[in-house]
């Protein structure tokens, strides 16, 4: 194996997305990365778009303020369903409602609930847009993005393609509707603005976001990596770094020795398959990783 002593590069600023299947420790890695950049004096935001976020738990923050201050230069924000509804409403809620309400009798609040929770990928699409706008505003030099577990992350990446297919059908569906009831804007103009938003977000993911994948040396996780990388490549999204978490380093018991032997096969497979990436191993810790002191241990290894 190679690169066992590699570290995550510490380039200043920008946006880094930490992705991976649930339970591999990506939120811990994201938190440690955010702490690192904040320690360099960079105004840093760690943001989670996970449906069950744990950033506040890892940082031991009890404040309900959004974003919440952790320490100097470091803030965290966890986006929930209400924030998504608000973002969607602000962008296109009234316009799109004007179109649908032309032929469907539905209350506006129910309509927003449907669009943000039922339509596949729409909530993720607007989370991407939210982070894109944060980057444009420039309030934070560094944004560390902790995404949803693997399946939801891929849904996020599929959103532009899914939306594009829906939009191709839209002119046929709305050809007889000339104006939105609310804005009085031509319906096709509304749809074109929506399509441009999707294109902007896709471009943002491709050109502004740095992807770090987090995995563990176990059979299922290693098998899922291949599909994840293939899906990313289809959308022109390249992973620069790979973190292997929970690697057994201290083999001072029969249990750990057996575990290490099992992991060796998967570690070799990862290094052979992804030798072109920056790879760093994080050891298995005997305690829960939360709080600034514990996160600094992770930071020292990663950077």
C-alpha atoms as a PDB file:
ATOM      1  CA  UNK A   1       0.000   0.000   0.000  1.00  0.00           C
ATOM      2  CA  UNK A   2       1.017   3.615  -0.547  1.00  0.00           C
ATOM      3  CA  UNK A   3       0.172   7.079   0.745  1.00  0.00           C
ATOM      4  CA  UNK A   4      -0.554   5.878   4.274  1.00  0.00           C
ATOM      5  CA  UNK A   5       1.006   9.072   5.601  1.00  0.00           C
ATOM      6  CA  UNK A   6      -0.713  11.399   3.138  1.00  0.00           C
ATOM      7  CA  UNK A   7      -2.654  14.310   4.543  1.00  0.00           C
ATOM      8  CA  UNK A   8      -5.592  16.320   3.314  1.00  0.00           C
ATOM      9  CA  UNK A   9      -4.291  19.383   1.499  1.00  0.00           C
ATOM     10  CA  UNK A  10      -4.762  22.639   3.368  1.00  0.00           C
ATOM     11  CA  UNK A  11      -5.490  25.084   0.562  1.00  0.00           C
ATOM     12  CA  UNK A  12      -7.107  28.272   1.776  1.00  0.00           C
ATOM     13  CA  UNK A  13     -10.696  29.132   1.162  1.00  0.00           C
ATOM     14  CA  UNK A  14     -13.269  27.627  -1.133  1.00  0.00           C
ATOM     15  CA  UNK A  15     -15.953  25.005  -0.671  1.00  0.00           C
ATOM     16  CA  UNK A  16     -15.339  21.385   0.247  1.00  0.00           C
ATOM     17  CA  UNK A  17     -18.104  18.793   0.215  1.00  0.00           C
ATOM     18  CA  UNK A  18     -17.688  15.765   2.479  1.00  0.00           C
ATOM     19  CA  UNK A  19     -19.683  12.868   1.081  1.00  0.00           C
ATOM     20  CA  UNK A  20     -20.124   9.182   1.840  1.00  0.00           C
ATOM     21  CA  UNK A  21     -22.568   6.573   3.038  1.00  0.00           C
ATOM     22  CA  UNK A  22     -24.184   7.027   6.443  1.00  0.00           C
ATOM     23  CA  UNK A  23     -22.117   6.056   9.455  1.00  0.00           C
ATOM     24  CA  UNK A  24     -18.625   6.374   7.981  1.00  0.00           C
ATOM     25  CA  UNK A  25     -17.735   9.502   9.964  1.00  0.00           C
ATOM     26  CA  UNK A  26     -17.993  12.172   7.300  1.00  0.00           C
ATOM     27  CA  UNK A  27     -19.543  14.703   9.683  1.00  0.00           C
ATOM     28  CA  UNK A  28     -16.633  14.243  12.095  1.00  0.00           C
ATOM     29  CA  UNK A  29     -14.175  14.765   9.237  1.00  0.00           C
ATOM     30  CA  UNK A  30     -16.087  17.822   8.048  1.00  0.00           C
ATOM     31  CA  UNK A  31     -16.095  19.278  11.558  1.00  0.00           C
ATOM     32  CA  UNK A  32     -12.343  18.742  11.930  1.00  0.00           C
ATOM     33  CA  UNK A  33     -11.712  20.380   8.553  1.00  0.00           C
ATOM     34  CA  UNK A  34     -13.833  23.383   9.516  1.00  0.00           C
ATOM     35  CA  UNK A  35     -11.944  23.705  12.796  1.00  0.00           C
ATOM     36  CA  UNK A  36      -8.654  23.625  10.895  1.00  0.00           C
ATOM     37  CA  UNK A  37      -9.564  26.415   8.486  1.00  0.00           C
ATOM     38  CA  UNK A  38     -11.012  28.546  11.279  1.00  0.00           C
ATOM     39  CA  UNK A  39      -7.763  28.079  13.232  1.00  0.00           C
ATOM     40  CA  UNK A  40      -5.939  29.607  10.251  1.00  0.00           C
ATOM     41  CA  UNK A  41      -8.055  32.722  10.714  1.00  0.00           C
ATOM     42  CA  UNK A  42     -10.378  32.024   7.789  1.00  0.00           C
ATOM     43  CA  UNK A  43     -14.031  32.954   8.425  1.00  0.00           C
ATOM     44  CA  UNK A  44     -15.462  29.437   8.161  1.00  0.00           C
ATOM     45  CA  UNK A  45     -18.952  27.982   7.990  1.00  0.00           C
ATOM     46  CA  UNK A  46     -19.644  24.275   8.490  1.00  0.00           C
ATOM     47  CA  UNK A  47     -23.044  23.582   6.993  1.00  0.00           C
ATOM     48  CA  UNK A  48     -25.067  20.372   7.048  1.00  0.00           C
ATOM     49  CA  UNK A  49     -27.796  19.410   4.616  1.00  0.00           C
ATOM     50  CA  UNK A  50     -28.298  16.020   6.251  1.00  0.00           C
ATOM     51  CA  UNK A  51     -31.894  15.234   7.216  1.00  0.00           C
ATOM     52  CA  UNK A  52     -30.550  14.093  10.618  1.00  0.00           C
ATOM     53  CA  UNK A  53     -27.683  16.550  11.190  1.00  0.00           C
ATOM     54  CA  UNK A  54     -25.103  16.016  13.933  1.00  0.00           C
ATOM     55  CA  UNK A  55     -22.752  18.991  13.593  1.00  0.00           C
ATOM     56  CA  UNK A  56     -24.132  20.681  16.712  1.00  0.00           C
ATOM     57  CA  UNK A  57     -23.737  17.420  18.651  1.00  0.00           C
ATOM     58  CA  UNK A  58     -20.122  16.982  17.550  1.00  0.00           C
ATOM     59  CA  UNK A  59     -19.252  20.589  18.378  1.00  0.00           C
ATOM     60  CA  UNK A  60     -21.314  20.365  21.599  1.00  0.00           C
ATOM     61  CA  UNK A  61     -23.327  23.444  20.669  1.00  0.00           C
ATOM     62  CA  UNK A  62     -26.760  23.894  22.242  1.00  0.00           C
ATOM     63  CA  UNK A  63     -27.642  27.272  20.718  1.00  0.00           C
ATOM     64  CA  UNK A  64     -30.668  27.412  18.432  1.00  0.00           C
ATOM     65  CA  UNK A  65     -29.216  30.388  16.597  1.00  0.00           C
ATOM     66  CA  UNK A  66     -28.524  29.886  12.880  1.00  0.00           C
ATOM     67  CA  UNK A  67     -25.713  30.081  12.113  1.00  0.00           C
ATOM     68  CA  UNK A  68     -24.364  29.271  15.602  1.00  0.00           C
ATOM     69  CA  UNK A  69     -20.954  30.520  16.709  1.00  0.00           C
ATOM     70  CA  UNK A  70     -18.538  27.795  17.824  1.00  0.00           C
ATOM     71  CA  UNK A  71     -15.429  29.904  18.294  1.00  0.00           C
ATOM     72  CA  UNK A  72     -13.683  32.803  16.633  1.00  0.00           C
ATOM     73  CA  UNK A  73     -14.021  32.521  12.851  1.00  0.00           C
ATOM     74  CA  UNK A  74     -16.071  29.302  13.081  1.00  0.00           C
ATOM     75  CA  UNK A  75     -19.844  28.978  12.641  1.00  0.00           C
ATOM     76  CA  UNK A  76     -22.152  26.044  11.966  1.00  0.00           C
ATOM     77  CA  UNK A  77     -25.549  25.830  10.328  1.00  0.00           C
ATOM     78  CA  UNK A  78     -27.874  22.863   9.939  1.00  0.00           C
ATOM     79  CA  UNK A  79     -30.522  23.276   7.258  1.00  0.00           C
ATOM     80  CA  UNK A  80     -33.848  21.618   7.959  1.00  0.00           C
ATOM     81  CA  UNK A  81     -37.155  21.189   6.185  1.00  0.00           C
ATOM     82  CA  UNK A  82     -38.431  24.652   7.125  1.00  0.00           C
ATOM     83  CA  UNK A  83     -35.384  26.360   5.662  1.00  0.00           C
ATOM     84  CA  UNK A  84     -35.827  24.414   2.443  1.00  0.00           C
ATOM     85  CA  UNK A  85     -39.453  25.500   2.155  1.00  0.00           C
ATOM     86  CA  UNK A  86     -38.438  29.089   2.743  1.00  0.00           C
ATOM     87  CA  UNK A  87     -35.725  28.937   0.075  1.00  0.00           C
ATOM     88  CA  UNK A  88     -38.011  27.332  -2.473  1.00  0.00           C
ATOM     89  CA  UNK A  89     -40.792  29.794  -1.725  1.00  0.00           C
ATOM     90  CA  UNK A  90     -38.427  32.747  -2.085  1.00  0.00           C
ATOM     91  CA  UNK A  91     -37.105  31.566  -5.437  1.00  0.00           C
ATOM     92  CA  UNK A  92     -40.076  30.200  -7.352  1.00  0.00           C
ATOM     93  CA  UNK A  93     -42.909  29.301  -5.006  1.00  0.00           C
ATOM     94  CA  UNK A  94     -45.393  31.952  -6.075  1.00  0.00           C
ATOM     95  CA  UNK A  95     -44.550  31.672  -9.771  1.00  0.00           C
ATOM     96  CA  UNK A  96     -44.839  27.904  -9.989  1.00  0.00           C
ATOM     97  CA  UNK A  97     -47.969  27.934  -7.844  1.00  0.00           C
ATOM     98  CA  UNK A  98     -49.470  30.371 -10.314  1.00  0.00           C
ATOM     99  CA  UNK A  99     -48.940  27.805 -13.054  1.00  0.00           C
ATOM    100  CA  UNK A 100     -50.231  24.753 -11.178  1.00  0.00           C
ATOM    101  CA  UNK A 101     -53.174  26.517  -9.605  1.00  0.00           C
ATOM    102  CA  UNK A 102     -54.457  27.259 -13.107  1.00  0.00           C
ATOM    103  CA  UNK A 103     -55.690  23.694 -13.358  1.00  0.00           C
ATOM    104  CA  UNK A 104     -55.297  22.157  -9.872  1.00  0.00           C
ATOM    105  CA  UNK A 105     -57.232  23.319  -6.850  1.00  0.00           C
ATOM    106  CA  UNK A 106     -54.736  23.282  -3.994  1.00  0.00           C
ATOM    107  CA  UNK A 107     -53.940  25.534  -1.055  1.00  0.00           C
ATOM    108  CA  UNK A 108     -50.597  27.356  -1.350  1.00  0.00           C
ATOM    109  CA  UNK A 109     -49.183  25.945   1.891  1.00  0.00           C
ATOM    110  CA  UNK A 110     -50.089  22.403   0.821  1.00  0.00           C
ATOM    111  CA  UNK A 111     -48.532  23.054  -2.570  1.00  0.00           C
ATOM    112  CA  UNK A 112     -45.207  24.151  -1.055  1.00  0.00           C
ATOM    113  CA  UNK A 113     -45.239  21.117   1.248  1.00  0.00           C
ATOM    114  CA  UNK A 114     -45.752  18.831  -1.745  1.00  0.00           C
ATOM    115  CA  UNK A 115     -43.078  20.440  -3.910  1.00  0.00           C
ATOM    116  CA  UNK A 116     -40.390  20.456  -1.203  1.00  0.00           C
ATOM    117  CA  UNK A 117     -40.999  17.028   0.286  1.00  0.00           C
ATOM    118  CA  UNK A 118     -42.470  14.837  -2.466  1.00  0.00           C
ATOM    119  CA  UNK A 119     -40.925  15.918  -5.764  1.00  0.00           C
ATOM    120  CA  UNK A 120     -37.637  13.947  -6.027  1.00  0.00           C
ATOM    121  CA  UNK A 121     -34.508  15.984  -5.461  1.00  0.00           C
ATOM    122  CA  UNK A 122     -36.135  19.415  -5.348  1.00  0.00           C
ATOM    123  CA  UNK A 123     -35.171  20.116  -1.737  1.00  0.00           C
ATOM    124  CA  UNK A 124     -31.559  19.215  -2.483  1.00  0.00           C
ATOM    125  CA  UNK A 125     -31.584  21.414  -5.570  1.00  0.00           C
ATOM    126  CA  UNK A 126     -32.368  24.438  -3.457  1.00  0.00           C
ATOM    127  CA  UNK A 127     -29.830  23.499  -0.800  1.00  0.00           C
ATOM    128  CA  UNK A 128     -27.211  23.586  -3.541  1.00  0.00           C
ATOM    129  CA  UNK A 129     -28.519  26.975  -4.594  1.00  0.00           C
ATOM    130  CA  UNK A 130     -28.389  28.237  -1.017  1.00  0.00           C
ATOM    131  CA  UNK A 131     -24.725  27.313  -0.679  1.00  0.00           C
ATOM    132  CA  UNK A 132     -23.971  28.780  -4.103  1.00  0.00           C
ATOM    133  CA  UNK A 133     -25.450  32.084  -2.960  1.00  0.00           C
ATOM    134  CA  UNK A 134     -23.431  31.940   0.263  1.00  0.00           C
ATOM    135  CA  UNK A 135     -20.311  31.631  -1.845  1.00  0.00           C
ATOM    136  CA  UNK A 136     -21.310  34.607  -3.990  1.00  0.00           C
ATOM    137  CA  UNK A 137     -21.928  36.802  -0.942  1.00  0.00           C
ATOM    138  CA  UNK A 138     -18.390  36.100   0.285  1.00  0.00           C
ATOM    139  CA  UNK A 139     -19.181  36.347   3.980  1.00  0.00           C
ATOM    140  CA  UNK A 140     -17.191  33.160   4.614  1.00  0.00           C
ATOM    141  CA  UNK A 141     -13.781  32.442   3.148  1.00  0.00           C
ATOM    142  CA  UNK A 142     -14.267  28.706   3.654  1.00  0.00           C
ATOM    143  CA  UNK A 143     -17.445  26.629   3.512  1.00  0.00           C
ATOM    144  CA  UNK A 144     -17.337  23.012   4.661  1.00  0.00           C
ATOM    145  CA  UNK A 145     -20.371  21.147   3.375  1.00  0.00           C
ATOM    146  CA  UNK A 146     -21.512  18.021   5.199  1.00  0.00           C
ATOM    147  CA  UNK A 147     -23.966  16.283   2.886  1.00  0.00           C
ATOM    148  CA  UNK A 148     -26.696  13.756   3.478  1.00  0.00           C
ATOM    149  CA  UNK A 149     -25.853  10.021   3.482  1.00  0.00           C
ATOM    150  CA  UNK A 150     -24.782   8.478   0.228  1.00  0.00           C
ATOM    151  CA  UNK A 151     -28.184   7.759  -1.315  1.00  0.00           C
ATOM    152  CA  UNK A 152     -29.473  11.269  -0.663  1.00  0.00           C
ATOM    153  CA  UNK A 153     -26.240  12.800  -1.929  1.00  0.00           C
ATOM    154  CA  UNK A 154     -26.635  10.971  -5.229  1.00  0.00           C
ATOM    155  CA  UNK A 155     -30.227  12.197  -5.425  1.00  0.00           C
ATOM    156  CA  UNK A 156     -28.815  15.705  -5.071  1.00  0.00           C
ATOM    157  CA  UNK A 157     -26.424  15.103  -7.947  1.00  0.00           C
ATOM    158  CA  UNK A 158     -29.175  13.629 -10.115  1.00  0.00           C
ATOM    159  CA  UNK A 159     -31.462  16.614  -9.561  1.00  0.00           C
ATOM    160  CA  UNK A 160     -30.297  18.723 -12.550  1.00  0.00           C
ATOM    161  CA  UNK A 161     -30.781  15.808 -14.964  1.00  0.00           C
ATOM    162  CA  UNK A 162     -34.184  14.934 -13.514  1.00  0.00           C
ATOM    163  CA  UNK A 163     -35.249  18.550 -13.615  1.00  0.00           C
ATOM    164  CA  UNK A 164     -34.067  18.833 -17.202  1.00  0.00           C
ATOM    165  CA  UNK A 165     -36.250  15.892 -18.247  1.00  0.00           C
ATOM    166  CA  UNK A 166     -39.251  17.446 -16.525  1.00  0.00           C
ATOM    167  CA  UNK A 167     -38.618  20.776 -18.211  1.00  0.00           C
ATOM    168  CA  UNK A 168     -38.521  19.186 -21.676  1.00  0.00           C
ATOM    169  CA  UNK A 169     -42.079  18.009 -21.058  1.00  0.00           C
ATOM    170  CA  UNK A 170     -43.191  21.334 -19.608  1.00  0.00           C
ATOM    171  CA  UNK A 171     -43.887  23.225 -22.883  1.00  0.00           C
ATOM    172  CA  UNK A 172     -46.311  20.505 -23.949  1.00  0.00           C
ATOM    173  CA  UNK A 173     -48.027  20.470 -20.568  1.00  0.00           C
ATOM    174  CA  UNK A 174     -48.353  24.244 -20.254  1.00  0.00           C
ATOM    175  CA  UNK A 175     -48.644  25.232 -23.902  1.00  0.00           C
ATOM    176  CA  UNK A 176     -52.190  26.502 -23.378  1.00  0.00           C
ATOM    177  CA  UNK A 177     -51.281  28.507 -20.266  1.00  0.00           C
ATOM    178  CA  UNK A 178     -49.965  31.914 -21.319  1.00  0.00           C
ATOM    179  CA  UNK A 179     -49.502  33.647 -17.965  1.00  0.00           C
ATOM    180  CA  UNK A 180     -48.871  32.650 -14.371  1.00  0.00           C
ATOM    181  CA  UNK A 181     -51.868  33.616 -12.276  1.00  0.00           C
ATOM    182  CA  UNK A 182     -49.776  35.351  -9.621  1.00  0.00           C
ATOM    183  CA  UNK A 183     -46.985  37.109 -11.529  1.00  0.00           C
ATOM    184  CA  UNK A 184     -48.737  37.432 -14.931  1.00  0.00           C
ATOM    185  CA  UNK A 185     -45.395  36.403 -16.438  1.00  0.00           C
ATOM    186  CA  UNK A 186     -45.458  34.027 -19.440  1.00  0.00           C
ATOM    187  CA  UNK A 187     -45.378  30.462 -18.123  1.00  0.00           C
ATOM    188  CA  UNK A 188     -42.541  29.396 -20.409  1.00  0.00           C
ATOM    189  CA  UNK A 189     -40.456  32.312 -19.135  1.00  0.00           C
ATOM    190  CA  UNK A 190     -40.964  31.069 -15.592  1.00  0.00           C
ATOM    191  CA  UNK A 191     -39.858  27.590 -16.637  1.00  0.00           C
ATOM    192  CA  UNK A 192     -36.802  28.942 -18.450  1.00  0.00           C
ATOM    193  CA  UNK A 193     -35.716  30.828 -15.317  1.00  0.00           C
ATOM    194  CA  UNK A 194     -36.079  27.610 -13.352  1.00  0.00           C
ATOM    195  CA  UNK A 195     -33.968  25.801 -15.939  1.00  0.00           C
ATOM    196  CA  UNK A 196     -31.249  28.461 -15.749  1.00  0.00           C
ATOM    197  CA  UNK A 197     -31.154  28.059 -11.981  1.00  0.00           C
ATOM    198  CA  UNK A 198     -30.596  24.339 -12.375  1.00  0.00           C
ATOM    199  CA  UNK A 199     -27.808  24.979 -14.892  1.00  0.00           C
ATOM    200  CA  UNK A 200     -26.152  27.496 -12.557  1.00  0.00           C
ATOM    201  CA  UNK A 201     -26.211  24.995  -9.712  1.00  0.00           C
ATOM    202  CA  UNK A 202     -24.756  22.237 -11.859  1.00  0.00           C
ATOM    203  CA  UNK A 203     -21.959  24.552 -12.982  1.00  0.00           C
ATOM    204  CA  UNK A 204     -21.353  25.506  -9.352  1.00  0.00           C
ATOM    205  CA  UNK A 205     -20.934  21.859  -8.327  1.00  0.00           C
ATOM    206  CA  UNK A 206     -18.541  21.178 -11.187  1.00  0.00           C
ATOM    207  CA  UNK A 207     -16.325  24.221 -10.887  1.00  0.00           C
ATOM    208  CA  UNK A 208     -16.510  25.581  -7.361  1.00  0.00           C
ATOM    209  CA  UNK A 209     -16.873  22.571  -5.053  1.00  0.00           C
ATOM    210  CA  UNK A 210     -14.043  20.314  -3.942  1.00  0.00           C
ATOM    211  CA  UNK A 211     -15.188  16.748  -3.240  1.00  0.00           C
ATOM    212  CA  UNK A 212     -13.805  14.642  -0.394  1.00  0.00           C
ATOM    213  CA  UNK A 213     -15.116  11.104  -0.054  1.00  0.00           C
ATOM    214  CA  UNK A 214     -15.142   9.379   3.337  1.00  0.00           C
ATOM    215  CA  UNK A 215     -15.289   5.599   3.655  1.00  0.00           C
ATOM    216  CA  UNK A 216     -14.384   2.748   6.000  1.00  0.00           C
ATOM    217  CA  UNK A 217     -12.442  -0.460   5.246  1.00  0.00           C
ATOM    218  CA  UNK A 218     -15.440  -2.776   5.150  1.00  0.00           C
ATOM    219  CA  UNK A 219     -16.986  -4.805   2.334  1.00  0.00           C
ATOM    220  CA  UNK A 220     -20.187  -2.845   1.751  1.00  0.00           C
ATOM    221  CA  UNK A 221     -18.493   0.551   1.958  1.00  0.00           C
ATOM    222  CA  UNK A 222     -15.788  -0.443  -0.521  1.00  0.00           C
ATOM    223  CA  UNK A 223     -18.360  -1.894  -2.927  1.00  0.00           C
ATOM    224  CA  UNK A 224     -20.399   1.300  -2.796  1.00  0.00           C
ATOM    225  CA  UNK A 225     -17.382   3.471  -3.592  1.00  0.00           C
ATOM    226  CA  UNK A 226     -17.207   2.211  -7.169  1.00  0.00           C
ATOM    227  CA  UNK A 227     -20.803   3.154  -7.907  1.00  0.00           C
ATOM    228  CA  UNK A 228     -20.390   6.518  -6.228  1.00  0.00           C
ATOM    229  CA  UNK A 229     -17.330   7.450  -8.261  1.00  0.00           C
ATOM    230  CA  UNK A 230     -19.030   6.301 -11.461  1.00  0.00           C
ATOM    231  CA  UNK A 231     -22.069   8.452 -10.698  1.00  0.00           C
ATOM    232  CA  UNK A 232     -19.894  11.464  -9.933  1.00  0.00           C
ATOM    233  CA  UNK A 233     -17.957  11.046 -13.163  1.00  0.00           C
ATOM    234  CA  UNK A 234     -21.182  10.994 -15.173  1.00  0.00           C
ATOM    235  CA  UNK A 235     -21.878  14.535 -13.992  1.00  0.00           C
ATOM    236  CA  UNK A 236     -18.299  15.732 -14.421  1.00  0.00           C
ATOM    237  CA  UNK A 237     -17.680  15.816 -10.667  1.00  0.00           C
ATOM    238  CA  UNK A 238     -14.222  14.687  -9.587  1.00  0.00           C
ATOM    239  CA  UNK A 239     -13.191  13.518  -6.125  1.00  0.00           C
ATOM    240  CA  UNK A 240      -9.808  14.904  -5.062  1.00  0.00           C
ATOM    241  CA  UNK A 241      -9.442  13.261  -1.665  1.00  0.00           C
ATOM    242  CA  UNK A 242     -10.362  10.007  -0.012  1.00  0.00           C
ATOM    243  CA  UNK A 243     -10.429   9.548   3.755  1.00  0.00           C
ATOM    244  CA  UNK A 244     -10.437   6.007   5.139  1.00  0.00           C
ATOM    245  CA  UNK A 245     -11.900   6.155   8.631  1.00  0.00           C
ATOM    246  CA  UNK A 246     -11.831   3.695  11.546  1.00  0.00           C
ATOM    247  CA  UNK A 247      -8.598   1.964  10.540  1.00  0.00           C
ATOM    248  CA  UNK A 248      -7.258  -0.324  13.287  1.00  0.00           C
ATOM    249  CA  UNK A 249      -3.731   0.778  14.199  1.00  0.00           C
ATOM    250  CA  UNK A 250      -3.259  -0.682  17.684  1.00  0.00           C
ATOM    251  CA  UNK A 251      -3.567  -4.479  17.536  1.00  0.00           C
ATOM    252  CA  UNK A 252      -3.301  -5.205  21.251  1.00  0.00           C
ATOM    253  CA  UNK A 253      -6.139  -7.711  21.502  1.00  0.00           C
ATOM    254  CA  UNK A 254      -7.378 -10.740  19.564  1.00  0.00           C
ATOM    255  CA  UNK A 255     -10.421  -8.759  18.510  1.00  0.00           C
ATOM    256  CA  UNK A 256      -8.390  -5.862  17.088  1.00  0.00           C
ATOM    257  CA  UNK A 257      -5.898  -8.215  15.463  1.00  0.00           C
ATOM    258  CA  UNK A 258      -8.699 -10.035  13.667  1.00  0.00           C
ATOM    259  CA  UNK A 259     -10.304  -6.742  12.708  1.00  0.00           C
ATOM    260  CA  UNK A 260      -7.010  -5.450  11.300  1.00  0.00           C
ATOM    261  CA  UNK A 261      -6.527  -8.571   9.189  1.00  0.00           C
ATOM    262  CA  UNK A 262      -9.990  -8.154   7.713  1.00  0.00           C
ATOM    263  CA  UNK A 263      -9.385  -4.484   7.003  1.00  0.00           C
ATOM    264  CA  UNK A 264      -6.065  -5.171   5.254  1.00  0.00           C
ATOM    265  CA  UNK A 265      -7.817  -6.707   2.233  1.00  0.00           C
ATOM    266  CA  UNK A 266     -10.140  -3.730   1.834  1.00  0.00           C
ATOM    267  CA  UNK A 267      -7.352  -1.203   2.364  1.00  0.00           C
ATOM    268  CA  UNK A 268      -5.303  -2.842  -0.367  1.00  0.00           C
ATOM    269  CA  UNK A 269      -8.306  -2.770  -2.692  1.00  0.00           C
ATOM    270  CA  UNK A 270      -8.854   0.941  -2.031  1.00  0.00           C
ATOM    271  CA  UNK A 271      -5.216   1.873  -2.612  1.00  0.00           C
ATOM    272  CA  UNK A 272      -5.037  -0.198  -5.794  1.00  0.00           C
ATOM    273  CA  UNK A 273      -8.233   1.263  -7.222  1.00  0.00           C
ATOM    274  CA  UNK A 274      -7.815   4.909  -6.171  1.00  0.00           C
ATOM    275  CA  UNK A 275      -4.049   5.394  -6.263  1.00  0.00           C
ATOM    276  CA  UNK A 276      -4.482   8.692  -8.130  1.00  0.00           C
ATOM    277  CA  UNK A 277      -6.231  10.347  -5.173  1.00  0.00           C
ATOM    278  CA  UNK A 278      -4.928  11.945  -2.014  1.00  0.00           C
ATOM    279  CA  UNK A 279      -5.589   9.246   0.585  1.00  0.00           C
ATOM    280  CA  UNK A 280      -5.369   9.594   4.332  1.00  0.00           C
ATOM    281  CA  UNK A 281      -6.193   7.064   7.037  1.00  0.00           C
ATOM    282  CA  UNK A 282      -7.877   7.927  10.306  1.00  0.00           C
ATOM    283  CA  UNK A 283      -7.392   5.448  13.144  1.00  0.00           C
ATOM    284  CA  UNK A 284     -10.148   3.834  15.127  1.00  0.00           C
ATOM    285  CA  UNK A 285     -10.494   5.739  18.396  1.00  0.00           C
ATOM    286  CA  UNK A 286     -11.544   4.130  21.695  1.00  0.00           C
ATOM    287  CA  UNK A 287     -13.771   7.065  22.600  1.00  0.00           C
ATOM    288  CA  UNK A 288     -16.520   9.232  21.146  1.00  0.00           C
ATOM    289  CA  UNK A 289     -15.259  12.002  18.913  1.00  0.00           C
ATOM    290  CA  UNK A 290     -16.964  15.222  19.920  1.00  0.00           C
ATOM    291  CA  UNK A 291     -15.867  18.528  21.388  1.00  0.00           C
ATOM    292  CA  UNK A 292     -13.031  20.768  20.217  1.00  0.00           C
ATOM    293  CA  UNK A 293     -10.237  18.843  21.944  1.00  0.00           C
ATOM    294  CA  UNK A 294     -11.193  15.545  20.285  1.00  0.00           C
ATOM    295  CA  UNK A 295     -11.703  17.233  16.928  1.00  0.00           C
ATOM    296  CA  UNK A 296      -8.214  18.713  17.120  1.00  0.00           C
ATOM    297  CA  UNK A 297      -6.857  15.157  17.259  1.00  0.00           C
ATOM    298  CA  UNK A 298      -8.602  14.455  13.955  1.00  0.00           C
ATOM    299  CA  UNK A 299      -7.406  17.777  12.545  1.00  0.00           C
ATOM    300  CA  UNK A 300      -3.761  16.953  13.269  1.00  0.00           C
ATOM    301  CA  UNK A 301      -4.041  13.697  11.357  1.00  0.00           C
ATOM    302  CA  UNK A 302      -5.990  15.103   8.415  1.00  0.00           C
ATOM    303  CA  UNK A 303      -3.757  18.148   7.973  1.00  0.00           C
END
